[in-house]
Amino acid sequence: MVISGWFLGQVCLAQEPVIPVENADMATESYSDEFQEHFFEALKQKGIENYDKAVDELLKCKKLEPDNDVVDYELGRNYKELKAYDKAEASLLAAVEKKPELWYLDALFGVYESRGETDKAIAVALKLAESNSTYKENLVRIYIDSRRYEEALELIEELDARLGSSGEREQQKLWIESRMSPGESAAFGNTGEDEKNDPSTEGAGDLEGIYRNIENARQQRNHPEVLESATEALEIYPSQPGLYYHRGYALNRMKRYKEAIASLQEALDYLIDDKALENNIYREFVIAYNGMGDHRKAGEYAGKIKD
């Protein structure tokens, strides 16, 4: 875990023998113990997905140590799980301001991606890429998602030159080039209406066409085709919760329940204010956990389904 070094220091402090000290020092020792008690309780609650309780414990920690960047980081992660994105952003920005750690920026990047704030996500991804070039692969996908094709191609060429070509980047390059016909070379920021109305772009490349193809395959009960279409589309649209949902749906019908659960969890991670899709995702969780014989977990997700 990324903050294990910090934890180790805390644990070592806790294991040292207690030496009699003056009242002020005793108060400091008590203060540290109280902080640790709340902090580890927060981690425990987060581990069992009680994010509200985890936040409550972390807020107690923040009162004790208002300048602790790790507390801000953990608050941000829990707020994200609760889909309280404004609070998540504020907490993670506070952590970054105190200490611009790579994992703090990564968590902030995740919030912006979940909320669909492309420009902010790109700004953070550029900072991350300065320290770790693997984030440039994520940046390519964001550029493609936001139709910033020219920047995506430049970055692909940079990655190919440094790392060598890859199948995924080659596929991305071909897809982008198919969108950059001479008539639209100056229209990278268009709304996509021309593409929707152009018969030559309907089908697998166009997101709307992808969903139509998936729906047709579902109606024909062609689950391998649903799985293949959704998986391929996610290489181009990695932040589409609907594609993760359809992938989980197909995996459930193929009795690949563990893989279905992983895909459905990713769908929830990217989901923003879509109750109908959220309910469908929960229904698939119920099917997956029942298929695995975990009826308690299936019941938990069934209870989350709302009219």
C-alpha atoms as a PDB file:
ATOM      1  CA  MET A   1       0.000   0.000   0.000  1.00  0.00           C
ATOM      2  CA  VAL A   2       1.312   3.405  -0.901  1.00  0.00           C
ATOM      3  CA  ILE A   3       1.370   4.794   2.630  1.00  0.00           C
ATOM      4  CA  SER A   4       2.851   1.706   4.261  1.00  0.00           C
ATOM      5  CA  GLY A   5       6.016   3.578   5.188  1.00  0.00           C
ATOM      6  CA  TRP A   6       4.007   6.074   7.170  1.00  0.00           C
ATOM      7  CA  PHE A   7       2.100   3.253   8.876  1.00  0.00           C
ATOM      8  CA  LEU A   8       5.314   1.486   9.770  1.00  0.00           C
ATOM      9  CA  GLY A   9       6.542   4.590  11.536  1.00  0.00           C
ATOM     10  CA  GLN A  10       3.309   4.811  13.497  1.00  0.00           C
ATOM     11  CA  VAL A  11       3.422   1.146  14.465  1.00  0.00           C
ATOM     12  CA  CYS A  12       7.034   1.424  15.592  1.00  0.00           C
ATOM     13  CA  LEU A  13       6.152   4.394  17.761  1.00  0.00           C
ATOM     14  CA  ALA A  14       3.323   2.432  19.310  1.00  0.00           C
ATOM     15  CA  GLN A  15       5.632  -0.470  20.143  1.00  0.00           C
ATOM     16  CA  GLU A  16       8.221   1.608  22.004  1.00  0.00           C
ATOM     17  CA  PRO A  17       8.148   1.209  25.807  1.00  0.00           C
ATOM     18  CA  VAL A  18       6.309   3.942  27.675  1.00  0.00           C
ATOM     19  CA  ILE A  19       8.661   6.127  29.756  1.00  0.00           C
ATOM     20  CA  PRO A  20       7.336   8.406  32.521  1.00  0.00           C
ATOM     21  CA  VAL A  21       7.312  12.020  31.303  1.00  0.00           C
ATOM     22  CA  GLU A  22       5.974  15.415  32.275  1.00  0.00           C
ATOM     23  CA  ASN A  23       2.251  16.156  31.847  1.00  0.00           C
ATOM     24  CA  ALA A  24       2.744  17.975  28.504  1.00  0.00           C
ATOM     25  CA  ASP A  25       4.566  14.998  27.028  1.00  0.00           C
ATOM     26  CA  MET A  26       1.909  12.639  28.339  1.00  0.00           C
ATOM     27  CA  ALA A  27      -0.761  14.734  26.637  1.00  0.00           C
ATOM     28  CA  THR A  28       1.162  14.470  23.353  1.00  0.00           C
ATOM     29  CA  GLU A  29       1.444  10.695  23.720  1.00  0.00           C
ATOM     30  CA  SER A  30      -2.309  10.427  24.360  1.00  0.00           C
ATOM     31  CA  TYR A  31      -3.004  12.662  21.393  1.00  0.00           C
ATOM     32  CA  SER A  32      -0.988  10.383  19.097  1.00  0.00           C
ATOM     33  CA  ASP A  33      -2.718   7.264  20.403  1.00  0.00           C
ATOM     34  CA  GLU A  34      -6.149   8.815  19.859  1.00  0.00           C
ATOM     35  CA  PHE A  35      -5.193   9.747  16.297  1.00  0.00           C
ATOM     36  CA  GLN A  36      -4.000   6.226  15.541  1.00  0.00           C
ATOM     37  CA  GLU A  37      -7.142   4.705  17.005  1.00  0.00           C
ATOM     38  CA  HIS A  38      -9.406   6.770  14.734  1.00  0.00           C
ATOM     39  CA  PHE A  39      -7.154   6.370  11.708  1.00  0.00           C
ATOM     40  CA  PHE A  40      -6.958   2.588  11.829  1.00  0.00           C
ATOM     41  CA  GLU A  41     -10.704   2.402  12.500  1.00  0.00           C
ATOM     42  CA  ALA A  42     -11.196   4.467   9.341  1.00  0.00           C
ATOM     43  CA  LEU A  43      -9.109   1.995   7.355  1.00  0.00           C
ATOM     44  CA  LYS A  44     -11.100  -0.881   8.797  1.00  0.00           C
ATOM     45  CA  GLN A  45     -14.417   0.745   7.853  1.00  0.00           C
ATOM     46  CA  LYS A  46     -13.173   1.519   4.352  1.00  0.00           C
ATOM     47  CA  GLY A  47     -12.078  -2.090   3.972  1.00  0.00           C
ATOM     48  CA  ILE A  48     -15.654  -3.288   4.588  1.00  0.00           C
ATOM     49  CA  GLU A  49     -17.068  -0.510   2.366  1.00  0.00           C
ATOM     50  CA  ASN A  50     -18.574   1.540   5.208  1.00  0.00           C
ATOM     51  CA  TYR A  51     -17.357   4.745   3.614  1.00  0.00           C
ATOM     52  CA  ASP A  52     -19.606   7.050   5.667  1.00  0.00           C
ATOM     53  CA  LYS A  53     -18.168   5.672   8.913  1.00  0.00           C
ATOM     54  CA  ALA A  54     -14.656   5.871   7.513  1.00  0.00           C
ATOM     55  CA  VAL A  55     -15.204   9.568   6.744  1.00  0.00           C
ATOM     56  CA  ASP A  56     -16.477  10.169  10.287  1.00  0.00           C
ATOM     57  CA  GLU A  57     -13.327   8.625  11.756  1.00  0.00           C
ATOM     58  CA  LEU A  58     -11.064  10.568   9.395  1.00  0.00           C
ATOM     59  CA  LEU A  59     -12.751  13.852  10.289  1.00  0.00           C
ATOM     60  CA  LYS A  60     -11.889  13.109  13.929  1.00  0.00           C
ATOM     61  CA  CYS A  61      -8.292  12.586  12.816  1.00  0.00           C
ATOM     62  CA  LYS A  62      -8.386  15.898  10.974  1.00  0.00           C
ATOM     63  CA  LYS A  63      -9.434  17.711  14.124  1.00  0.00           C
ATOM     64  CA  LEU A  64      -6.434  16.221  15.902  1.00  0.00           C
ATOM     65  CA  GLU A  65      -3.966  16.814  13.062  1.00  0.00           C
ATOM     66  CA  PRO A  66      -5.420  19.353  10.600  1.00  0.00           C
ATOM     67  CA  ASP A  67      -2.228  19.506   8.526  1.00  0.00           C
ATOM     68  CA  ASN A  68      -1.856  15.768   7.989  1.00  0.00           C
ATOM     69  CA  ASP A  69      -1.768  15.183   4.215  1.00  0.00           C
ATOM     70  CA  VAL A  70      -2.418  11.421   4.574  1.00  0.00           C
ATOM     71  CA  VAL A  71      -5.750  12.166   6.260  1.00  0.00           C
ATOM     72  CA  ASP A  72      -6.724  14.480   3.387  1.00  0.00           C
ATOM     73  CA  TYR A  73      -5.761  11.766   0.911  1.00  0.00           C
ATOM     74  CA  GLU A  74      -7.840   9.098   2.656  1.00  0.00           C
ATOM     75  CA  LEU A  75     -10.784  11.499   2.962  1.00  0.00           C
ATOM     76  CA  GLY A  76     -10.595  12.134  -0.777  1.00  0.00           C
ATOM     77  CA  ARG A  77     -10.620   8.417  -1.558  1.00  0.00           C
ATOM     78  CA  ASN A  78     -13.622   7.767   0.663  1.00  0.00           C
ATOM     79  CA  TYR A  79     -15.559  10.754  -0.670  1.00  0.00           C
ATOM     80  CA  LYS A  80     -14.932   9.431  -4.192  1.00  0.00           C
ATOM     81  CA  GLU A  81     -16.446   6.077  -3.228  1.00  0.00           C
ATOM     82  CA  LEU A  82     -19.481   7.981  -1.921  1.00  0.00           C
ATOM     83  CA  LYS A  83     -19.589   9.906  -5.232  1.00  0.00           C
ATOM     84  CA  ALA A  84     -19.215  13.157  -3.259  1.00  0.00           C
ATOM     85  CA  TYR A  85     -16.870  14.428  -5.940  1.00  0.00           C
ATOM     86  CA  ASP A  86     -16.687  18.056  -4.806  1.00  0.00           C
ATOM     87  CA  LYS A  87     -15.529  17.002  -1.346  1.00  0.00           C
ATOM     88  CA  ALA A  88     -13.184  14.423  -2.840  1.00  0.00           C
ATOM     89  CA  GLU A  89     -11.591  17.056  -5.049  1.00  0.00           C
ATOM     90  CA  ALA A  90     -11.211  19.537  -2.161  1.00  0.00           C
ATOM     91  CA  SER A  91      -9.583  16.929   0.103  1.00  0.00           C
ATOM     92  CA  LEU A  92      -7.184  15.663  -2.545  1.00  0.00           C
ATOM     93  CA  LEU A  93      -6.210  19.181  -3.610  1.00  0.00           C
ATOM     94  CA  ALA A  94      -5.403  19.884   0.048  1.00  0.00           C
ATOM     95  CA  ALA A  95      -3.225  16.761   0.179  1.00  0.00           C
ATOM     96  CA  VAL A  96      -1.430  17.708  -3.048  1.00  0.00           C
ATOM     97  CA  GLU A  97      -0.833  21.249  -1.820  1.00  0.00           C
ATOM     98  CA  LYS A  98       0.802  19.930   1.347  1.00  0.00           C
ATOM     99  CA  LYS A  99       2.826  17.234  -0.409  1.00  0.00           C
ATOM    100  CA  PRO A 100       2.574  16.588  -4.185  1.00  0.00           C
ATOM    101  CA  GLU A 101       2.935  12.822  -3.914  1.00  0.00           C
ATOM    102  CA  LEU A 102       2.366  10.738  -7.039  1.00  0.00           C
ATOM    103  CA  TRP A 103      -0.474   8.718  -5.502  1.00  0.00           C
ATOM    104  CA  TYR A 104      -2.277  11.876  -4.358  1.00  0.00           C
ATOM    105  CA  LEU A 105      -2.239  13.167  -7.939  1.00  0.00           C
ATOM    106  CA  ASP A 106      -3.348   9.760  -9.198  1.00  0.00           C
ATOM    107  CA  ALA A 107      -6.374   9.799  -6.894  1.00  0.00           C
ATOM    108  CA  LEU A 108      -7.219  13.349  -8.016  1.00  0.00           C
ATOM    109  CA  PHE A 109      -6.932  12.225 -11.632  1.00  0.00           C
ATOM    110  CA  GLY A 110      -9.434   9.444 -10.877  1.00  0.00           C
ATOM    111  CA  VAL A 111     -11.930  11.952  -9.456  1.00  0.00           C
ATOM    112  CA  TYR A 112     -11.738  14.135 -12.561  1.00  0.00           C
ATOM    113  CA  GLU A 113     -12.136  11.112 -14.842  1.00  0.00           C
ATOM    114  CA  SER A 114     -15.143   9.877 -12.878  1.00  0.00           C
ATOM    115  CA  ARG A 115     -16.719  13.313 -13.070  1.00  0.00           C
ATOM    116  CA  GLY A 116     -15.955  13.686 -16.779  1.00  0.00           C
ATOM    117  CA  GLU A 117     -13.849  16.840 -16.298  1.00  0.00           C
ATOM    118  CA  THR A 118     -11.526  16.263 -19.215  1.00  0.00           C
ATOM    119  CA  ASP A 119      -9.458  19.448 -19.039  1.00  0.00           C
ATOM    120  CA  LYS A 120      -8.699  18.987 -15.341  1.00  0.00           C
ATOM    121  CA  ALA A 121      -7.920  15.297 -15.888  1.00  0.00           C
ATOM    122  CA  ILE A 122      -5.479  16.188 -18.661  1.00  0.00           C
ATOM    123  CA  ALA A 123      -3.753  18.816 -16.499  1.00  0.00           C
ATOM    124  CA  VAL A 124      -3.195  16.271 -13.712  1.00  0.00           C
ATOM    125  CA  ALA A 125      -2.183  13.518 -16.160  1.00  0.00           C
ATOM    126  CA  LEU A 126       0.503  15.821 -17.584  1.00  0.00           C
ATOM    127  CA  LYS A 127       1.899  16.321 -14.068  1.00  0.00           C
ATOM    128  CA  LEU A 128       1.821  12.581 -13.444  1.00  0.00           C
ATOM    129  CA  ALA A 129       3.564  11.902 -16.753  1.00  0.00           C
ATOM    130  CA  GLU A 130       6.499  14.058 -15.634  1.00  0.00           C
ATOM    131  CA  SER A 131       7.246  11.492 -12.918  1.00  0.00           C
ATOM    132  CA  ASN A 132       5.928   8.310 -14.528  1.00  0.00           C
ATOM    133  CA  SER A 133       5.684   7.890 -18.299  1.00  0.00           C
ATOM    134  CA  THR A 134       3.058   5.130 -18.021  1.00  0.00           C
ATOM    135  CA  TYR A 135       0.496   7.867 -17.373  1.00  0.00           C
ATOM    136  CA  LYS A 136       1.021   9.034 -20.949  1.00  0.00           C
ATOM    137  CA  GLU A 137      -0.875   5.940 -22.086  1.00  0.00           C
ATOM    138  CA  ASN A 138      -3.858   7.189 -20.059  1.00  0.00           C
ATOM    139  CA  LEU A 139      -3.394  10.619 -21.566  1.00  0.00           C
ATOM    140  CA  VAL A 140      -3.703   9.185 -25.079  1.00  0.00           C
ATOM    141  CA  ARG A 141      -7.087   7.714 -24.189  1.00  0.00           C
ATOM    142  CA  ILE A 142      -8.314  10.991 -22.709  1.00  0.00           C
ATOM    143  CA  TYR A 143      -7.251  12.901 -25.812  1.00  0.00           C
ATOM    144  CA  ILE A 144      -9.147  10.408 -27.980  1.00  0.00           C
ATOM    145  CA  ASP A 145     -12.229  10.542 -25.769  1.00  0.00           C
ATOM    146  CA  SER A 146     -12.288  14.347 -26.005  1.00  0.00           C
ATOM    147  CA  ARG A 147     -11.632  14.321 -29.787  1.00  0.00           C
ATOM    148  CA  ARG A 148      -8.239  15.972 -29.420  1.00  0.00           C
ATOM    149  CA  TYR A 149      -6.913  13.694 -32.139  1.00  0.00           C
ATOM    150  CA  GLU A 150      -3.862  15.679 -33.181  1.00  0.00           C
ATOM    151  CA  GLU A 151      -2.481  15.724 -29.622  1.00  0.00           C
ATOM    152  CA  ALA A 152      -3.261  12.005 -29.260  1.00  0.00           C
ATOM    153  CA  LEU A 153      -1.303  11.178 -32.428  1.00  0.00           C
ATOM    154  CA  GLU A 154       1.686  13.255 -31.326  1.00  0.00           C
ATOM    155  CA  LEU A 155       1.763  11.447 -27.995  1.00  0.00           C
ATOM    156  CA  ILE A 156       1.416   8.024 -29.657  1.00  0.00           C
ATOM    157  CA  GLU A 157       4.382   8.812 -31.901  1.00  0.00           C
ATOM    158  CA  GLU A 158       6.402   9.913 -28.859  1.00  0.00           C
ATOM    159  CA  LEU A 159       5.578   6.683 -26.998  1.00  0.00           C
ATOM    160  CA  ASP A 160       6.355   4.542 -30.056  1.00  0.00           C
ATOM    161  CA  ALA A 161       9.729   6.260 -30.462  1.00  0.00           C
ATOM    162  CA  ARG A 162      10.675   5.688 -26.828  1.00  0.00           C
ATOM    163  CA  LEU A 163       9.022   2.344 -26.027  1.00  0.00           C
ATOM    164  CA  GLY A 164       8.561   0.745 -29.431  1.00  0.00           C
ATOM    165  CA  SER A 165       5.228   0.164 -31.144  1.00  0.00           C
ATOM    166  CA  SER A 166       2.367  -1.695 -29.465  1.00  0.00           C
ATOM    167  CA  GLY A 167      -0.791  -3.311 -30.780  1.00  0.00           C
ATOM    168  CA  GLU A 168      -3.015  -1.076 -28.693  1.00  0.00           C
ATOM    169  CA  ARG A 169      -1.378   2.152 -29.860  1.00  0.00           C
ATOM    170  CA  GLU A 170      -1.429   0.970 -33.473  1.00  0.00           C
ATOM    171  CA  GLN A 171      -5.155   0.331 -33.183  1.00  0.00           C
ATOM    172  CA  GLN A 172      -5.668   3.772 -31.642  1.00  0.00           C
ATOM    173  CA  LYS A 173      -3.654   5.380 -34.435  1.00  0.00           C
ATOM    174  CA  LEU A 174      -5.711   3.693 -37.159  1.00  0.00           C
ATOM    175  CA  TRP A 175      -8.938   4.675 -35.445  1.00  0.00           C
ATOM    176  CA  ILE A 176      -7.852   8.333 -35.149  1.00  0.00           C
ATOM    177  CA  GLU A 177      -6.674   8.496 -38.762  1.00  0.00           C
ATOM    178  CA  SER A 178     -10.046   7.181 -39.923  1.00  0.00           C
ATOM    179  CA  ARG A 179     -11.616  10.186 -38.151  1.00  0.00           C
ATOM    180  CA  MET A 180      -9.209  12.768 -39.519  1.00  0.00           C
ATOM    181  CA  SER A 181     -10.458  13.031 -43.101  1.00  0.00           C
ATOM    182  CA  PRO A 182      -9.419  16.196 -45.004  1.00  0.00           C
ATOM    183  CA  GLY A 183     -12.833  17.771 -44.460  1.00  0.00           C
ATOM    184  CA  GLU A 184     -12.555  17.680 -40.700  1.00  0.00           C
ATOM    185  CA  SER A 185      -8.848  18.376 -40.138  1.00  0.00           C
ATOM    186  CA  ALA A 186      -9.685  21.755 -38.577  1.00  0.00           C
ATOM    187  CA  ALA A 187     -12.643  20.527 -36.549  1.00  0.00           C
ATOM    188  CA  PHE A 188     -11.152  18.452 -33.739  1.00  0.00           C
ATOM    189  CA  GLY A 189     -13.481  20.117 -31.250  1.00  0.00           C
ATOM    190  CA  ASN A 190     -16.737  19.483 -33.131  1.00  0.00           C
ATOM    191  CA  THR A 191     -19.807  18.087 -31.420  1.00  0.00           C
ATOM    192  CA  GLY A 192     -19.806  14.880 -33.437  1.00  0.00           C
ATOM    193  CA  GLU A 193     -23.085  15.559 -35.243  1.00  0.00           C
ATOM    194  CA  ASP A 194     -21.430  15.236 -38.677  1.00  0.00           C
ATOM    195  CA  GLU A 195     -20.041  11.841 -37.697  1.00  0.00           C
ATOM    196  CA  LYS A 196     -23.423  10.640 -36.502  1.00  0.00           C
ATOM    197  CA  ASN A 197     -25.038  11.603 -39.814  1.00  0.00           C
ATOM    198  CA  ASP A 198     -22.244  10.221 -42.014  1.00  0.00           C
ATOM    199  CA  PRO A 199     -23.047   6.605 -43.037  1.00  0.00           C
ATOM    200  CA  SER A 200     -19.339   5.862 -43.509  1.00  0.00           C
ATOM    201  CA  THR A 201     -18.690   6.371 -39.773  1.00  0.00           C
ATOM    202  CA  GLU A 202     -21.621   4.382 -38.390  1.00  0.00           C
ATOM    203  CA  GLY A 203     -20.861   1.087 -36.679  1.00  0.00           C
ATOM    204  CA  ALA A 204     -17.939  -0.113 -34.618  1.00  0.00           C
ATOM    205  CA  GLY A 205     -15.937   3.141 -34.542  1.00  0.00           C
ATOM    206  CA  ASP A 206     -18.765   5.429 -33.518  1.00  0.00           C
ATOM    207  CA  LEU A 207     -19.762   5.110 -29.862  1.00  0.00           C
ATOM    208  CA  GLU A 208     -23.453   5.324 -30.669  1.00  0.00           C
ATOM    209  CA  GLY A 209     -22.962   2.633 -33.324  1.00  0.00           C
ATOM    210  CA  ILE A 210     -21.081   0.466 -30.846  1.00  0.00           C
ATOM    211  CA  TYR A 211     -24.002   0.545 -28.420  1.00  0.00           C
ATOM    212  CA  ARG A 212     -26.406  -0.315 -31.265  1.00  0.00           C
ATOM    213  CA  ASN A 213     -24.267  -3.306 -32.244  1.00  0.00           C
ATOM    214  CA  ILE A 214     -24.082  -4.470 -28.635  1.00  0.00           C
ATOM    215  CA  GLU A 215     -27.852  -4.156 -28.222  1.00  0.00           C
ATOM    216  CA  ASN A 216     -28.427  -6.168 -31.404  1.00  0.00           C
ATOM    217  CA  ALA A 217     -26.080  -8.877 -30.148  1.00  0.00           C
ATOM    218  CA  ARG A 218     -27.889  -8.941 -26.802  1.00  0.00           C
ATOM    219  CA  GLN A 219     -31.246  -9.393 -28.515  1.00  0.00           C
ATOM    220  CA  GLN A 220     -29.797 -12.337 -30.419  1.00  0.00           C
ATOM    221  CA  ARG A 221     -28.354 -13.730 -27.160  1.00  0.00           C
ATOM    222  CA  ASN A 222     -24.928 -13.642 -28.751  1.00  0.00           C
ATOM    223  CA  HIS A 223     -23.043 -13.095 -25.513  1.00  0.00           C
ATOM    224  CA  PRO A 224     -19.520 -13.690 -26.907  1.00  0.00           C
ATOM    225  CA  GLU A 225     -20.198 -10.947 -29.459  1.00  0.00           C
ATOM    226  CA  VAL A 226     -21.380  -8.570 -26.696  1.00  0.00           C
ATOM    227  CA  LEU A 227     -18.216  -9.327 -24.730  1.00  0.00           C
ATOM    228  CA  GLU A 228     -15.925  -8.839 -27.722  1.00  0.00           C
ATOM    229  CA  SER A 229     -17.591  -5.591 -28.840  1.00  0.00           C
ATOM    230  CA  ALA A 230     -17.570  -4.041 -25.364  1.00  0.00           C
ATOM    231  CA  THR A 231     -13.965  -5.106 -24.667  1.00  0.00           C
ATOM    232  CA  GLU A 232     -12.670  -3.710 -27.966  1.00  0.00           C
ATOM    233  CA  ALA A 233     -14.603  -0.462 -27.502  1.00  0.00           C
ATOM    234  CA  LEU A 234     -13.098   0.039 -24.035  1.00  0.00           C
ATOM    235  CA  GLU A 235      -9.664   0.343 -25.627  1.00  0.00           C
ATOM    236  CA  ILE A 236     -10.933   3.540 -27.272  1.00  0.00           C
ATOM    237  CA  TYR A 237     -13.469   4.666 -24.642  1.00  0.00           C
ATOM    238  CA  PRO A 238     -11.953   3.582 -21.320  1.00  0.00           C
ATOM    239  CA  SER A 239     -14.214   5.790 -19.192  1.00  0.00           C
ATOM    240  CA  GLN A 240     -17.600   4.596 -20.516  1.00  0.00           C
ATOM    241  CA  PRO A 241     -19.543   2.931 -17.661  1.00  0.00           C
ATOM    242  CA  GLY A 242     -22.075   1.476 -20.097  1.00  0.00           C
ATOM    243  CA  LEU A 243     -19.392  -0.547 -21.854  1.00  0.00           C
ATOM    244  CA  TYR A 244     -18.153  -2.022 -18.562  1.00  0.00           C
ATOM    245  CA  TYR A 245     -21.784  -2.867 -17.717  1.00  0.00           C
ATOM    246  CA  HIS A 246     -22.365  -4.679 -21.031  1.00  0.00           C
ATOM    247  CA  ARG A 247     -19.091  -6.525 -20.584  1.00  0.00           C
ATOM    248  CA  GLY A 248     -20.189  -7.649 -17.101  1.00  0.00           C
ATOM    249  CA  TYR A 249     -23.608  -8.624 -18.491  1.00  0.00           C
ATOM    250  CA  ALA A 250     -22.009 -10.885 -21.110  1.00  0.00           C
ATOM    251  CA  LEU A 251     -19.562 -12.438 -18.624  1.00  0.00           C
ATOM    252  CA  ASN A 252     -22.449 -13.272 -16.288  1.00  0.00           C
ATOM    253  CA  ARG A 253     -24.277 -15.143 -19.078  1.00  0.00           C
ATOM    254  CA  MET A 254     -21.064 -17.024 -19.798  1.00  0.00           C
ATOM    255  CA  LYS A 255     -20.825 -17.929 -16.080  1.00  0.00           C
ATOM    256  CA  ARG A 256     -17.526 -16.046 -15.681  1.00  0.00           C
ATOM    257  CA  TYR A 257     -18.741 -14.438 -12.486  1.00  0.00           C
ATOM    258  CA  LYS A 258     -15.480 -13.167 -10.976  1.00  0.00           C
ATOM    259  CA  GLU A 259     -14.597 -11.343 -14.187  1.00  0.00           C
ATOM    260  CA  ALA A 260     -18.140  -9.974 -14.347  1.00  0.00           C
ATOM    261  CA  ILE A 261     -17.835  -8.528 -10.832  1.00  0.00           C
ATOM    262  CA  ALA A 262     -14.553  -6.811 -11.720  1.00  0.00           C
ATOM    263  CA  SER A 263     -16.094  -5.238 -14.826  1.00  0.00           C
ATOM    264  CA  LEU A 264     -19.229  -4.144 -12.971  1.00  0.00           C
ATOM    265  CA  GLN A 265     -17.121  -2.508 -10.266  1.00  0.00           C
ATOM    266  CA  GLU A 266     -15.331  -0.502 -12.942  1.00  0.00           C
ATOM    267  CA  ALA A 267     -18.719   0.519 -14.324  1.00  0.00           C
ATOM    268  CA  LEU A 268     -19.615   1.933 -10.899  1.00  0.00           C
ATOM    269  CA  ASP A 269     -16.269   3.718 -10.648  1.00  0.00           C
ATOM    270  CA  TYR A 270     -17.012   5.689 -13.821  1.00  0.00           C
ATOM    271  CA  LEU A 271     -20.760   6.127 -13.281  1.00  0.00           C
ATOM    272  CA  ILE A 272     -22.128   9.639 -12.805  1.00  0.00           C
ATOM    273  CA  ASP A 273     -25.815  10.381 -12.122  1.00  0.00           C
ATOM    274  CA  ASP A 274     -27.479   7.610 -14.151  1.00  0.00           C
ATOM    275  CA  LYS A 275     -29.935   5.798 -11.882  1.00  0.00           C
ATOM    276  CA  ALA A 276     -31.246   3.462 -14.585  1.00  0.00           C
ATOM    277  CA  LEU A 277     -27.758   2.198 -15.447  1.00  0.00           C
ATOM    278  CA  GLU A 278     -26.834   2.039 -11.757  1.00  0.00           C
ATOM    279  CA  ASN A 279     -29.825  -0.234 -11.062  1.00  0.00           C
ATOM    280  CA  ASN A 280     -28.893  -2.464 -14.010  1.00  0.00           C
ATOM    281  CA  ILE A 281     -25.344  -2.754 -12.691  1.00  0.00           C
ATOM    282  CA  TYR A 282     -26.655  -3.758  -9.254  1.00  0.00           C
ATOM    283  CA  ARG A 283     -28.892  -6.398 -10.865  1.00  0.00           C
ATOM    284  CA  GLU A 284     -25.860  -7.898 -12.573  1.00  0.00           C
ATOM    285  CA  PHE A 285     -23.991  -7.919  -9.252  1.00  0.00           C
ATOM    286  CA  VAL A 286     -26.904  -9.924  -7.789  1.00  0.00           C
ATOM    287  CA  ILE A 287     -26.661 -12.460 -10.636  1.00  0.00           C
ATOM    288  CA  ALA A 288     -22.875 -12.735 -10.283  1.00  0.00           C
ATOM    289  CA  TYR A 289     -22.838 -13.243  -6.514  1.00  0.00           C
ATOM    290  CA  ASN A 290     -25.737 -15.696  -6.638  1.00  0.00           C
ATOM    291  CA  GLY A 291     -23.847 -17.579  -9.342  1.00  0.00           C
ATOM    292  CA  MET A 292     -20.857 -17.796  -6.984  1.00  0.00           C
ATOM    293  CA  GLY A 293     -23.055 -18.912  -4.109  1.00  0.00           C
ATOM    294  CA  ASP A 294     -22.487 -15.734  -2.099  1.00  0.00           C
ATOM    295  CA  HIS A 295     -26.127 -15.030  -1.301  1.00  0.00           C
ATOM    296  CA  ARG A 296     -25.327 -12.556   1.467  1.00  0.00           C
ATOM    297  CA  LYS A 297     -23.459 -10.305  -0.965  1.00  0.00           C
ATOM    298  CA  ALA A 298     -26.170 -10.781  -3.565  1.00  0.00           C
ATOM    299  CA  GLY A 299     -28.708  -9.597  -1.003  1.00  0.00           C
ATOM    300  CA  GLU A 300     -26.660  -6.484  -0.271  1.00  0.00           C
ATOM    301  CA  TYR A 301     -26.725  -5.429  -3.918  1.00  0.00           C
ATOM    302  CA  ALA A 302     -30.386  -6.334  -4.310  1.00  0.00           C
ATOM    303  CA  GLY A 303     -31.079  -3.901  -1.461  1.00  0.00           C
ATOM    304  CA  LYS A 304     -29.343  -1.121  -3.397  1.00  0.00           C
ATOM    305  CA  ILE A 305     -31.735  -1.322  -6.350  1.00  0.00           C
ATOM    306  CA  LYS A 306     -34.137   1.655  -6.289  1.00  0.00           C
ATOM    307  CA  ASP A 307     -37.287   2.349  -8.232  1.00  0.00           C
END
